[in-house]
Amino acid sequence: MALADKWTIARVLDEIAQYIELSDPNRFKSRAFERAARAVENLNEDISDLVAAGRLYETQGIGKAIGPIIEELVATGDSRYLKDLQKQYPAGIFDLLRVPALGLKKLGILYDKLGVASLEELELAAREGKIAKLKSFGPKTQTKILEGIETARKRESQYLLTTGLEIGERLRERLAAIDEVEDAEVTGSVRRRLEIIRNVNLAIATNDSAAVQKALKKVVDKFEVIDEQTVRGWARNEMPAWFHLSTPETFGANVLRTTGSAEFVAAFEKKVRNARLTARTEHDLFKRAGIPFVEPERRESSEDLKVKRVRLVEPSDLRGTFHVHTTYSDGRNSVLQMLTSAKDRGYEYVGISDHSKVAYYAGGLTEARLDEQQAEIAEKEKEVKPLRVFRGTEADILPDGSIDYGPETLKRFDFVVASVHSQFGMPKDEMTERILKALDDPHVTFIGHLTGRKLLVRDGYSVEFDRIFDKAARRGVMIEINGNPNRLDLDWRHIRNALDRGVIFSIHPDAHSIAEMSHVISGTWVARKAGLSAQQIFNTLPVDEVEKHFAARRKLSASRSLRA
């Protein structure tokens, strides 16, 4: 039996990539480990079977340098190479990545030149003016770092939802191996799909709490019994994990209570007049209470018990997607690979949208490179029929609100995703005007990742949402729900207001690789938290209706351009 599954191995490879980037200016080596991590994640076979059969090296991205590390992980659950890398740096050095102004390269320089490995050391070095003297830093970066330290401290003990999901599912797998556990469910804020979480919760059904608690000592670190029904520990020495035990007969109530939110649960209990309802499943509990089932994502307030129930959008409702990058800009997979991935997912259509030319840092396409890209799309789309391939771009919204490409170039596209990628610090009114002007461009189809936030790394820029929503609705410009787990914007808290103003939404993965095509799933979490049905999402439409919509938009843009 393998001692490490594919998810654990991918995590180790990613960690190795981080350590390499700290010390090696050659990005190629760290990218090789990142690509191998994604390849491992995408395996459809048990990785231990591949190793045993001598077929591991048939996997693209796994060669003579990385293969032995994977083989060692499969055999022992450990990596000597990673341990050697860890010895070179103090524990917790990656916590500094919570400082918005820092990336791995800068972090490596700070440690190498100044010995900085903690927030306290970073702050001292900045206040003493040492950082400003370093090459590629300067006074402005030093000031941003000082501001970022305060942000990092506010974000301590916070985690991305995807981290909670991964840890929660790994813990649930461990629980399944305990004989006395009859059922287990990941609950809490993870189940409610909050984008930022503080811990992971699991509800457990058992008739032998003592035996389960004894077994849990081998599952988590810093094991602590809170009471007869509650245990706390640390998972992977990284995240607090709470285990809530109940009998199988009361498991449904346990799941409800530990899923929360506290306000929703209190409203539920008040509605049933605090009756002690019992049920083995949560659905049965709602049924016995005479309350229509409320999906976990919709349990943030007491009001969620009162709203009309709709069938929330599911990933399977999406017939295609847009905002997909290839190696022509900053993607990690070719045109054919991305198209094949879309076809393999059962999509009817996909939209390729590499960066525009001003995004030079992301390999943005000049007009000449755009000719090459579109020629390759025309060639490769023949190999993925009947998948319909739409030509698009993620074009920069420039500081003055104009779009990077000119009208003659923009009219070549089926769709345009317009996004802000620069000068995030503009005042709120100026940023609002910038996006409002972009909405006036008749070629713009979608506004990409509105606010530009990166969760736990960078706050989004400030805008007057109502003005943007009003104009987007008037102009018929859709707003993207960005499924990148590091972004997840448009924030679900704003979506209902946008919907009331007539805005149309589309769920996009912002995919830079085959693996990231799955980001549409996390995009649906945002839509579900906002209470959206499939009928309220553009890319649930069949391909012929999408074609008609884009054709109508192009005709409208042509007429508006002529009038202008």
Protein backbone atom coordinates (compact mmCIF):
# COMPACT_ATOMS: atom_id res chain seq x y z
CA MET A 1 0.00 0.00 0.00
CA ALA A 2 1.34 3.44 -0.91
CA LEU A 3 2.23 5.67 2.04
CA ALA A 4 1.35 8.86 0.13
CA ASP A 5 -1.60 9.52 -2.18
CA LYS A 6 -1.45 11.72 -5.25
CA TRP A 7 -2.67 14.80 -3.36
CA THR A 8 0.03 14.47 -0.72
CA ILE A 9 2.67 13.95 -3.40
CA ALA A 10 1.48 17.00 -5.36
CA ARG A 11 1.64 19.08 -2.18
CA VAL A 12 5.23 17.93 -1.53
CA LEU A 13 6.24 18.78 -5.10
CA ASP A 14 4.69 22.24 -4.76
CA GLU A 15 6.56 22.78 -1.50
CA ILE A 16 9.83 21.75 -3.16
CA ALA A 17 9.09 24.22 -5.98
CA GLN A 18 8.67 26.99 -3.40
CA TYR A 19 11.98 26.23 -1.72
CA ILE A 20 13.78 26.11 -5.07
CA GLU A 21 12.38 29.47 -6.10
CA LEU A 22 13.64 30.95 -2.82
CA SER A 23 17.23 30.09 -3.66
CA ASP A 24 17.50 29.59 -7.42
CA PRO A 25 17.07 32.56 -9.81
CA ASN A 26 16.37 30.08 -12.61
CA ARG A 27 12.58 29.80 -12.58
CA PHE A 28 12.74 26.81 -14.94
CA LYS A 29 13.62 24.33 -12.20
CA SER A 30 10.80 25.35 -9.85
CA ARG A 31 8.32 25.40 -12.73
CA ALA A 32 9.33 21.81 -13.53
CA PHE A 33 8.24 20.72 -10.05
CA GLU A 34 5.01 22.72 -10.36
CA ARG A 35 4.21 21.01 -13.68
CA ALA A 36 4.95 17.63 -12.14
CA ALA A 37 2.61 18.44 -9.24
CA ARG A 38 -0.22 19.24 -11.65
CA ALA A 39 0.51 16.08 -13.64
CA VAL A 40 0.25 14.00 -10.48
CA GLU A 41 -3.04 15.67 -9.51
CA ASN A 42 -4.50 14.83 -12.91
CA LEU A 43 -3.61 11.14 -12.80
CA ASN A 44 -6.59 8.85 -13.30
CA GLU A 45 -4.71 5.79 -12.00
CA ASP A 46 -3.42 5.03 -8.53
CA ILE A 47 0.10 6.43 -8.47
CA SER A 48 1.42 3.42 -6.52
CA ASP A 49 0.19 1.14 -9.33
CA LEU A 50 2.09 3.27 -11.88
CA VAL A 51 5.25 3.02 -9.80
CA ALA A 52 4.86 -0.73 -9.29
CA ALA A 53 4.34 -1.27 -13.02
CA GLY A 54 7.33 0.89 -13.93
CA ARG A 55 5.09 3.32 -15.86
CA LEU A 56 5.55 6.45 -13.76
CA TYR A 57 7.92 8.00 -16.31
CA GLU A 58 5.29 7.72 -19.03
CA THR A 59 3.55 10.64 -17.34
CA GLN A 60 4.37 13.91 -19.07
CA GLY A 61 6.36 16.20 -16.79
CA ILE A 62 7.90 13.44 -14.68
CA GLY A 63 11.50 12.72 -15.60
CA LYS A 64 14.71 11.38 -14.08
CA ALA A 65 15.07 14.27 -11.62
CA ILE A 66 11.56 14.21 -10.16
CA GLY A 67 10.58 10.55 -10.63
CA PRO A 68 12.83 9.19 -7.83
CA ILE A 69 11.36 11.72 -5.39
CA ILE A 70 7.86 10.48 -6.19
CA GLU A 71 8.96 6.85 -5.90
CA GLU A 72 10.41 7.55 -2.46
CA LEU A 73 7.18 9.24 -1.36
CA VAL A 74 5.13 6.27 -2.54
CA ALA A 75 7.42 3.83 -0.71
CA THR A 76 8.11 5.73 2.52
CA GLY A 77 5.71 8.67 2.68
CA ASP A 78 8.73 10.97 3.02
CA SER A 79 11.18 12.94 0.87
CA ARG A 80 14.83 13.32 1.83
CA TYR A 81 15.22 16.02 -0.81
CA LEU A 82 12.45 18.13 0.77
CA LYS A 83 13.98 17.62 4.23
CA ASP A 84 17.35 18.86 2.95
CA LEU A 85 15.68 21.95 1.49
CA GLN A 86 13.79 22.59 4.73
CA LYS A 87 17.07 22.56 6.68
CA GLN A 88 18.29 25.52 4.63
CA TYR A 89 15.54 27.85 5.90
CA PRO A 90 13.86 28.51 9.25
CA ALA A 91 10.46 26.94 9.83
CA GLY A 92 7.61 29.29 9.01
CA ILE A 93 9.48 31.35 6.42
CA PHE A 94 6.60 30.94 3.97
CA ASP A 95 4.30 32.69 6.44
CA LEU A 96 5.90 35.89 5.12
CA LEU A 97 4.09 35.32 1.83
CA ARG A 98 1.03 36.68 3.61
CA VAL A 99 2.66 40.11 3.23
CA PRO A 100 1.08 41.44 -0.01
CA ALA A 101 4.29 43.06 -1.34
CA LEU A 102 6.35 39.86 -1.11
CA GLY A 103 6.81 37.00 -3.54
CA LEU A 104 9.14 34.02 -3.35
CA LYS A 105 12.03 35.72 -5.16
CA LYS A 106 11.95 38.78 -2.92
CA LEU A 107 11.57 36.56 0.12
CA GLY A 108 14.68 34.62 -0.90
CA ILE A 109 16.69 37.84 -1.32
CA LEU A 110 15.56 39.15 2.08
CA TYR A 111 16.64 35.96 3.78
CA ASP A 112 19.93 35.72 1.88
CA LYS A 113 20.95 39.37 2.37
CA LEU A 114 19.35 40.27 5.70
CA GLY A 115 18.49 36.95 7.37
CA VAL A 116 14.81 37.91 7.49
CA ALA A 117 12.57 34.93 8.28
CA SER A 118 9.73 36.28 10.43
CA LEU A 119 7.32 39.20 10.50
CA GLU A 120 9.20 40.70 13.42
CA GLU A 121 12.55 40.53 11.61
CA LEU A 122 10.96 41.88 8.44
CA GLU A 123 9.44 44.84 10.28
CA LEU A 124 12.72 45.65 12.03
CA ALA A 125 14.66 45.55 8.76
CA ALA A 126 12.11 47.83 7.09
CA ARG A 127 12.03 50.36 9.94
CA GLU A 128 15.83 50.49 9.97
CA GLY A 129 15.82 51.25 6.24
CA LYS A 130 17.78 48.13 5.28
CA ILE A 131 15.26 46.87 2.73
CA ALA A 132 15.29 50.08 0.70
CA LYS A 133 19.02 49.63 0.09
CA LEU A 134 18.62 46.22 -1.55
CA LYS A 135 18.73 45.89 -5.31
CA SER A 136 15.24 45.54 -6.88
CA PHE A 137 13.54 46.83 -3.70
CA GLY A 138 13.88 50.57 -2.97
CA PRO A 139 11.99 52.99 -0.65
CA LYS A 140 8.56 52.44 -2.25
CA THR A 141 8.74 48.66 -1.85
CA GLN A 142 9.94 49.09 1.72
CA THR A 143 6.91 51.27 2.50
CA LYS A 144 4.57 48.73 0.87
CA ILE A 145 6.15 45.97 2.94
CA LEU A 146 5.55 47.89 6.17
CA GLU A 147 1.91 48.40 5.18
CA GLY A 148 1.67 44.75 4.18
CA ILE A 149 2.94 43.54 7.55
CA GLU A 150 -0.14 44.98 9.24
CA THR A 151 -2.33 43.28 6.67
CA ALA A 152 -0.52 39.98 7.26
CA ARG A 153 -1.07 40.19 11.02
CA LYS A 154 -4.78 40.73 10.49
CA ARG A 155 -4.84 37.61 8.30
CA GLU A 156 -3.11 35.30 10.75
CA SER A 157 -4.90 31.98 11.26
CA GLN A 158 -6.89 32.44 8.07
CA TYR A 159 -6.87 29.96 5.19
CA LEU A 160 -8.22 29.62 1.68
CA LEU A 161 -11.33 27.47 1.28
CA THR A 162 -9.44 25.04 -0.97
CA THR A 163 -6.98 24.33 1.85
CA GLY A 164 -9.88 23.51 4.16
CA LEU A 165 -11.49 21.27 1.55
CA GLU A 166 -8.28 19.34 0.96
CA ILE A 167 -7.58 18.87 4.67
CA GLY A 168 -11.22 18.08 5.44
CA GLU A 169 -11.44 15.38 2.78
CA ARG A 170 -8.12 13.83 3.85
CA LEU A 171 -9.38 13.71 7.44
CA ARG A 172 -12.66 12.18 6.32
CA GLU A 173 -10.72 9.46 4.48
CA ARG A 174 -8.78 8.76 7.68
CA LEU A 175 -12.03 8.58 9.64
CA ALA A 176 -13.43 6.05 7.15
CA ALA A 177 -10.65 3.68 8.22
CA ILE A 178 -11.78 3.75 11.86
CA ASP A 179 -14.13 0.81 12.47
CA GLU A 180 -16.22 2.62 15.07
CA VAL A 181 -17.03 5.53 12.73
CA GLU A 182 -20.34 4.90 10.94
CA ASP A 183 -20.48 8.18 9.04
CA ALA A 184 -18.56 11.45 8.78
CA GLU A 185 -19.19 14.75 7.06
CA VAL A 186 -17.05 17.87 6.61
CA THR A 187 -19.11 20.70 8.08
CA GLY A 188 -18.55 24.26 9.30
CA SER A 189 -17.50 27.15 7.08
CA VAL A 190 -15.91 24.70 4.62
CA ARG A 191 -19.29 23.12 3.91
CA ARG A 192 -20.88 26.55 3.63
CA ARG A 193 -18.15 27.37 1.08
CA LEU A 194 -16.92 30.58 2.68
CA GLU A 195 -13.93 31.82 0.70
CA ILE A 196 -11.82 32.40 3.84
CA ILE A 197 -11.93 29.96 6.77
CA ARG A 198 -10.27 29.58 10.16
CA ASN A 199 -10.61 25.85 10.83
CA VAL A 200 -12.08 22.62 9.56
CA ASN A 201 -14.99 20.83 11.26
CA LEU A 202 -16.13 17.23 10.93
CA ALA A 203 -19.33 15.66 12.25
CA ILE A 204 -18.93 12.00 13.20
CA ALA A 205 -21.57 9.33 13.76
CA THR A 206 -20.51 6.60 16.20
CA ASN A 207 -21.79 4.37 18.98
CA ASP A 208 -18.37 4.31 20.64
CA SER A 209 -17.10 7.84 21.21
CA ALA A 210 -14.26 6.69 23.47
CA ALA A 211 -12.81 4.40 20.80
CA VAL A 212 -13.05 7.11 18.15
CA GLN A 213 -11.37 9.67 20.39
CA LYS A 214 -8.55 7.20 21.05
CA ALA A 215 -8.10 6.64 17.31
CA LEU A 216 -8.10 10.39 16.63
CA LYS A 217 -4.91 10.77 18.66
CA LYS A 218 -3.09 9.20 15.71
CA VAL A 219 -4.85 11.40 13.18
CA VAL A 220 -4.13 14.92 14.46
CA ASP A 221 -1.41 16.70 16.42
CA LYS A 222 -1.90 18.59 19.71
CA PHE A 223 -4.85 16.33 20.55
CA GLU A 224 -7.24 17.84 23.09
CA VAL A 225 -10.56 16.57 24.49
CA ILE A 226 -12.93 19.50 24.91
CA ASP A 227 -15.85 17.42 26.23
CA GLU A 228 -17.38 13.98 25.70
CA GLN A 229 -18.58 14.88 22.22
CA THR A 230 -15.89 17.32 21.03
CA VAL A 231 -12.21 16.85 20.17
CA ARG A 232 -9.76 19.39 18.83
CA GLY A 233 -6.37 18.99 17.17
CA TRP A 234 -4.14 20.28 14.40
CA ALA A 235 -4.21 18.76 10.93
CA ARG A 236 -0.85 18.57 9.14
CA ASN A 237 0.41 20.86 11.93
CA GLU A 238 -1.24 23.59 9.88
CA MET A 239 -4.94 24.04 10.59
CA PRO A 240 -7.17 23.61 13.66
CA ALA A 241 -9.52 20.65 13.25
CA TRP A 242 -12.66 20.13 15.35
CA PHE A 243 -14.37 16.73 15.56
CA HIS A 244 -17.99 16.64 16.75
CA LEU A 245 -19.23 13.20 17.79
CA SER A 246 -22.82 12.03 18.04
CA THR A 247 -24.82 8.82 17.81
CA PRO A 248 -25.96 7.72 14.34
CA GLU A 249 -29.56 8.48 15.36
CA THR A 250 -28.71 12.17 16.00
CA PHE A 251 -26.16 12.59 13.22
CA GLY A 252 -28.48 14.81 11.14
CA ALA A 253 -28.79 17.36 13.95
CA ASN A 254 -25.04 17.18 14.51
CA VAL A 255 -24.38 18.01 10.86
CA LEU A 256 -26.86 20.91 10.93
CA ARG A 257 -25.47 22.38 14.16
CA THR A 258 -21.81 22.15 13.18
CA THR A 259 -22.39 23.41 9.65
CA GLY A 260 -23.83 26.66 11.02
CA SER A 261 -23.93 29.54 10.75
CA ALA A 262 -24.84 30.16 14.40
CA GLU A 263 -27.51 32.65 13.32
CA PHE A 264 -29.04 30.21 10.84
CA VAL A 265 -29.08 27.33 13.36
CA ALA A 266 -30.67 29.55 16.02
CA ALA A 267 -33.38 30.59 13.54
CA PHE A 268 -33.97 26.95 12.58
CA GLU A 269 -34.34 25.90 16.22
CA LYS A 270 -36.66 28.80 16.94
CA LYS A 271 -38.79 27.86 13.95
CA VAL A 272 -39.30 24.33 15.31
CA ARG A 273 -39.85 25.78 18.81
CA ASN A 274 -36.63 24.24 20.11
CA ALA A 275 -38.04 20.74 19.65
CA ARG A 276 -35.33 18.07 19.99
CA LEU A 277 -35.69 16.58 16.54
CA THR A 278 -33.61 13.53 15.75
CA ALA A 279 -32.72 12.11 12.38
CA ARG A 280 -29.93 10.13 10.82
CA THR A 281 -29.57 12.58 7.94
CA GLU A 282 -29.88 16.31 7.62
CA HIS A 283 -32.47 16.00 4.85
CA ASP A 284 -34.66 13.90 7.15
CA LEU A 285 -34.22 16.50 9.88
CA PHE A 286 -35.51 19.29 7.63
CA LYS A 287 -38.38 17.05 6.53
CA ARG A 288 -39.42 16.27 10.11
CA ALA A 289 -39.21 19.96 10.96
CA GLY A 290 -41.49 20.77 8.02
CA ILE A 291 -38.88 23.12 6.55
CA PRO A 292 -37.80 22.95 2.89
CA PHE A 293 -34.15 21.94 2.68
CA VAL A 294 -31.68 24.84 2.57
CA GLU A 295 -28.42 24.15 0.75
CA PRO A 296 -25.36 24.59 3.03
CA GLU A 297 -24.02 27.50 0.96
CA ARG A 298 -27.20 29.43 1.75
CA ARG A 299 -26.98 29.31 5.55
CA GLU A 300 -25.32 32.56 6.51
CA SER A 301 -28.25 34.35 8.16
CA SER A 302 -31.76 33.82 9.50
CA GLU A 303 -33.10 35.36 6.27
CA ASP A 304 -31.92 32.28 4.37
CA LEU A 305 -34.78 30.34 5.96
CA LYS A 306 -37.32 32.75 4.50
CA VAL A 307 -36.27 33.13 0.86
CA LYS A 308 -37.91 31.14 -1.90
CA ARG A 309 -35.99 27.97 -2.71
CA VAL A 310 -34.52 27.55 -6.18
CA ARG A 311 -32.39 24.80 -7.62
CA LEU A 312 -28.91 26.25 -7.35
CA VAL A 313 -26.51 26.04 -10.26
CA GLU A 314 -24.30 22.94 -10.45
CA PRO A 315 -20.99 22.50 -12.30
CA SER A 316 -22.78 20.01 -14.56
CA ASP A 317 -25.08 22.81 -15.73
CA LEU A 318 -22.20 24.62 -17.44
CA ARG A 319 -22.09 23.84 -21.15
CA GLY A 320 -18.88 25.72 -21.78
CA THR A 321 -16.71 28.49 -20.44
CA PHE A 322 -14.48 31.44 -21.36
CA HIS A 323 -11.38 33.16 -19.94
CA VAL A 324 -8.92 30.41 -20.84
CA HIS A 325 -5.19 31.08 -21.40
CA THR A 326 -2.64 29.11 -23.43
CA THR A 327 1.14 29.14 -23.86
CA TYR A 328 0.68 32.02 -26.28
CA SER A 329 0.52 34.27 -23.20
CA ASP A 330 1.08 33.03 -19.62
CA GLY A 331 -0.71 29.68 -19.84
CA ARG A 332 1.13 26.42 -19.16
CA ASN A 333 -0.60 24.29 -21.80
CA SER A 334 -0.88 24.59 -25.57
CA VAL A 335 -3.95 25.54 -27.58
CA LEU A 336 -4.65 21.90 -28.44
CA GLN A 337 -4.19 20.75 -24.85
CA MET A 338 -6.63 23.36 -23.53
CA LEU A 339 -9.17 22.59 -26.25
CA THR A 340 -8.86 18.85 -25.63
CA SER A 341 -9.38 19.44 -21.91
CA ALA A 342 -12.58 21.36 -22.64
CA LYS A 343 -13.84 18.61 -24.94
CA ASP A 344 -12.97 15.90 -22.38
CA ARG A 345 -15.08 17.76 -19.84
CA GLY A 346 -18.06 17.40 -22.14
CA TYR A 347 -18.28 21.08 -23.03
CA GLU A 348 -20.09 22.23 -26.15
CA TYR A 349 -17.87 25.31 -26.44
CA VAL A 350 -14.83 27.07 -25.00
CA GLY A 351 -13.39 30.56 -25.39
CA ILE A 352 -9.64 31.11 -25.68
CA SER A 353 -8.62 34.51 -24.29
CA ASP A 354 -4.91 35.13 -24.01
CA HIS A 355 -3.63 38.44 -22.65
CA SER A 356 -3.45 41.61 -24.74
CA LYS A 357 -0.18 43.30 -25.67
CA VAL A 358 0.17 45.75 -22.76
CA ALA A 359 0.36 42.75 -20.40
CA TYR A 360 3.98 42.14 -21.46
CA TYR A 361 4.70 40.56 -18.04
CA ALA A 362 2.19 37.83 -18.94
CA GLY A 363 3.34 37.36 -22.53
CA GLY A 364 0.57 39.56 -23.91
CA LEU A 365 -0.03 39.14 -27.64
CA THR A 366 1.05 41.73 -30.16
CA GLU A 367 -1.04 41.88 -33.31
CA ALA A 368 1.55 39.69 -35.05
CA ARG A 369 1.43 37.07 -32.30
CA LEU A 370 -2.35 37.27 -32.37
CA ASP A 371 -2.24 36.28 -36.05
CA GLU A 372 -0.17 33.22 -35.12
CA GLN A 373 -2.49 32.29 -32.26
CA GLN A 374 -5.65 32.53 -34.32
CA ALA A 375 -4.06 30.53 -37.14
CA GLU A 376 -3.21 27.77 -34.68
CA ILE A 377 -6.72 27.82 -33.21
CA ALA A 378 -8.14 27.44 -36.73
CA GLU A 379 -5.88 24.45 -37.29
CA LYS A 380 -6.34 22.71 -33.94
CA GLU A 381 -10.09 23.17 -33.61
CA LYS A 382 -10.50 20.63 -36.41
CA GLU A 383 -9.12 17.99 -34.03
CA VAL A 384 -11.66 18.64 -31.29
CA LYS A 385 -14.93 18.75 -33.24
CA PRO A 386 -17.78 19.14 -32.44
CA LEU A 387 -16.40 21.49 -29.74
CA ARG A 388 -17.09 25.10 -30.79
CA VAL A 389 -14.07 27.32 -30.21
CA PHE A 390 -14.68 31.03 -29.70
CA ARG A 391 -11.87 33.55 -30.29
CA GLY A 392 -11.40 36.01 -27.49
CA THR A 393 -8.93 38.07 -25.51
CA GLU A 394 -8.42 39.19 -21.95
CA ALA A 395 -7.74 42.81 -22.78
CA ASP A 396 -6.39 45.28 -20.26
CA ILE A 397 -8.49 48.20 -19.13
CA LEU A 398 -5.88 50.95 -19.26
CA PRO A 399 -5.71 53.65 -16.55
CA ASP A 400 -7.74 56.06 -18.69
CA GLY A 401 -10.48 53.44 -19.20
CA SER A 402 -9.65 52.63 -22.81
CA ILE A 403 -9.10 49.06 -23.96
CA ASP A 404 -5.59 47.88 -24.84
CA TYR A 405 -6.31 46.80 -28.43
CA GLY A 406 -7.80 49.25 -30.93
CA PRO A 407 -11.21 48.80 -32.60
CA GLU A 408 -9.76 47.15 -35.71
CA THR A 409 -8.21 44.41 -33.58
CA LEU A 410 -11.11 44.09 -31.14
CA LYS A 411 -13.61 43.42 -33.92
CA ARG A 412 -11.69 40.24 -34.78
CA PHE A 413 -12.83 38.59 -31.57
CA ASP A 414 -16.03 36.74 -30.75
CA PHE A 415 -15.79 38.09 -27.19
CA VAL A 416 -13.63 40.38 -25.07
CA VAL A 417 -12.92 39.94 -21.36
CA ALA A 418 -11.88 43.39 -20.11
CA SER A 419 -9.85 43.40 -16.89
CA VAL A 420 -7.85 45.77 -14.71
CA HIS A 421 -4.26 44.58 -14.21
CA SER A 422 -2.46 47.77 -13.19
CA GLN A 423 -2.56 50.77 -10.85
CA PHE A 424 -4.79 49.09 -8.27
CA GLY A 425 -4.18 51.96 -5.87
CA MET A 426 -6.23 54.48 -7.85
CA PRO A 427 -8.76 56.41 -5.72
CA LYS A 428 -12.23 54.88 -5.62
CA ASP A 429 -13.87 57.49 -7.83
CA GLU A 430 -11.10 57.30 -10.46
CA MET A 431 -11.17 53.51 -10.56
CA THR A 432 -14.94 53.59 -10.90
CA GLU A 433 -14.74 56.02 -13.81
CA ARG A 434 -12.03 53.86 -15.38
CA ILE A 435 -14.32 50.81 -15.45
CA LEU A 436 -17.39 52.82 -16.46
CA LYS A 437 -15.50 54.10 -19.50
CA ALA A 438 -14.47 50.54 -20.39
CA LEU A 439 -18.13 49.53 -20.26
CA ASP A 440 -18.79 52.11 -22.97
CA ASP A 441 -16.54 50.26 -25.40
CA PRO A 442 -18.96 48.38 -27.68
CA HIS A 443 -16.57 45.45 -28.08
CA VAL A 444 -16.46 44.52 -24.37
CA THR A 445 -18.41 41.35 -23.57
CA PHE A 446 -17.35 40.54 -20.00
CA ILE A 447 -15.74 42.44 -17.13
CA GLY A 448 -13.07 40.10 -15.72
CA HIS A 449 -12.33 39.49 -12.03
CA LEU A 450 -13.99 42.67 -10.81
CA THR A 451 -12.03 44.11 -7.81
CA GLY A 452 -8.82 42.26 -8.72
CA ARG A 453 -8.45 40.83 -5.25
CA LYS A 454 -6.17 37.94 -4.33
CA LEU A 455 -7.46 36.36 -1.17
CA LEU A 456 -5.15 36.66 1.84
CA VAL A 457 -2.60 38.39 -0.38
CA ARG A 458 -4.09 41.54 -1.89
CA ASP A 459 -7.25 43.48 -1.16
CA GLY A 460 -9.27 44.40 -4.19
CA TYR A 461 -9.40 47.93 -5.52
CA SER A 462 -12.31 50.08 -4.39
CA VAL A 463 -15.17 50.92 -6.74
CA GLU A 464 -18.76 52.13 -6.57
CA PHE A 465 -20.40 48.81 -7.32
CA ASP A 466 -23.91 50.13 -7.90
CA ARG A 467 -22.78 52.48 -10.66
CA ILE A 468 -20.83 49.72 -12.37
CA PHE A 469 -23.73 47.25 -12.06
CA ASP A 470 -26.19 49.80 -13.45
CA LYS A 471 -24.04 50.57 -16.47
CA ALA A 472 -23.11 46.93 -17.13
CA ALA A 473 -26.82 46.10 -17.23
CA ARG A 474 -27.57 48.99 -19.58
CA ARG A 475 -24.71 48.10 -21.91
CA GLY A 476 -25.45 44.38 -21.83
CA VAL A 477 -21.95 43.63 -20.54
CA MET A 478 -21.73 40.51 -18.40
CA ILE A 479 -19.74 40.34 -15.17
CA GLU A 480 -17.51 37.36 -14.65
CA ILE A 481 -17.69 35.16 -11.58
CA ASN A 482 -14.01 34.24 -11.41
CA GLY A 483 -13.49 30.70 -10.14
CA ASN A 484 -9.79 30.99 -9.36
CA PRO A 485 -9.69 29.89 -5.68
CA ASN A 486 -7.25 32.72 -4.95
CA ARG A 487 -9.74 35.28 -6.30
CA LEU A 488 -13.37 34.11 -6.20
CA ASP A 489 -14.72 37.42 -7.35
CA LEU A 490 -17.25 38.83 -8.00
CA ASP A 491 -17.76 38.47 -4.23
CA TRP A 492 -20.99 36.59 -3.52
CA ARG A 493 -22.09 39.36 -1.17
CA HIS A 494 -22.42 41.75 -4.13
CA ILE A 495 -24.11 39.40 -6.57
CA ARG A 496 -27.70 39.76 -5.38
CA ASN A 497 -27.48 43.53 -5.71
CA ALA A 498 -26.04 43.18 -9.20
CA LEU A 499 -28.77 40.70 -10.14
CA ASP A 500 -31.47 43.08 -8.97
CA ARG A 501 -30.04 45.69 -11.31
CA GLY A 502 -30.23 43.38 -14.32
CA VAL A 503 -26.62 42.19 -14.54
CA ILE A 504 -25.91 38.88 -16.33
CA PHE A 505 -23.21 36.58 -14.95
CA SER A 506 -20.86 34.04 -16.48
CA ILE A 507 -18.70 31.56 -14.53
CA HIS A 508 -15.10 31.42 -15.74
CA PRO A 509 -12.05 29.44 -14.56
CA ASP A 510 -9.36 32.04 -15.39
CA ALA A 511 -7.50 28.89 -16.41
CA HIS A 512 -3.77 28.97 -17.09
CA SER A 513 -3.46 25.18 -17.28
CA ILE A 514 -5.49 22.03 -17.86
CA ALA A 515 -5.80 21.52 -14.10
CA GLU A 516 -7.15 25.04 -13.64
CA MET A 517 -10.07 24.34 -15.97
CA SER A 518 -11.62 22.82 -12.83
CA HIS A 519 -11.83 26.31 -11.33
CA VAL A 520 -15.33 26.54 -12.79
CA ILE A 521 -16.30 24.32 -9.84
CA SER A 522 -15.16 26.88 -7.29
CA GLY A 523 -16.86 29.52 -9.42
CA THR A 524 -20.15 27.70 -8.92
CA TRP A 525 -19.60 27.87 -5.14
CA VAL A 526 -19.69 31.67 -5.40
CA ALA A 527 -22.82 31.57 -7.55
CA ARG A 528 -24.52 29.11 -5.17
CA LYS A 529 -23.72 31.24 -2.13
CA ALA A 530 -25.41 34.11 -3.93
CA GLY A 531 -28.45 31.91 -4.59
CA LEU A 532 -28.10 31.78 -8.38
CA SER A 533 -29.83 29.16 -10.50
CA ALA A 534 -28.58 27.76 -13.79
CA GLN A 535 -30.98 30.06 -15.64
CA GLN A 536 -29.09 33.08 -14.27
CA ILE A 537 -25.71 32.00 -15.66
CA PHE A 538 -24.77 32.78 -19.28
CA ASN A 539 -22.58 29.75 -19.92
CA THR A 540 -25.34 27.31 -19.12
CA LEU A 541 -26.83 28.25 -22.50
CA PRO A 542 -26.51 25.84 -25.46
CA VAL A 543 -23.91 26.70 -28.07
CA ASP A 544 -26.37 28.02 -30.66
CA GLU A 545 -27.73 30.61 -28.23
CA VAL A 546 -24.20 31.67 -27.27
CA GLU A 547 -23.36 32.10 -30.96
CA LYS A 548 -26.48 34.22 -31.48
CA HIS A 549 -25.62 36.39 -28.47
CA PHE A 550 -22.06 37.02 -29.65
CA ALA A 551 -23.23 37.70 -33.20
CA ALA A 552 -25.76 40.23 -31.92
CA ARG A 553 -23.07 41.90 -29.79
CA ARG A 554 -20.71 42.15 -32.77
CA LYS A 555 -23.46 43.68 -34.90
CA LEU A 556 -24.25 46.16 -32.12
CA SER A 557 -20.59 47.06 -31.66
CA ALA A 558 -20.21 47.65 -35.39
CA SER A 559 -23.20 50.00 -35.49
CA ARG A 560 -22.09 51.87 -32.36
CA SER A 561 -18.57 52.20 -33.75
CA LEU A 562 -19.95 53.68 -36.96
CA ARG A 563 -22.07 56.19 -35.04
CA ALA A 564 -19.04 57.16 -32.97
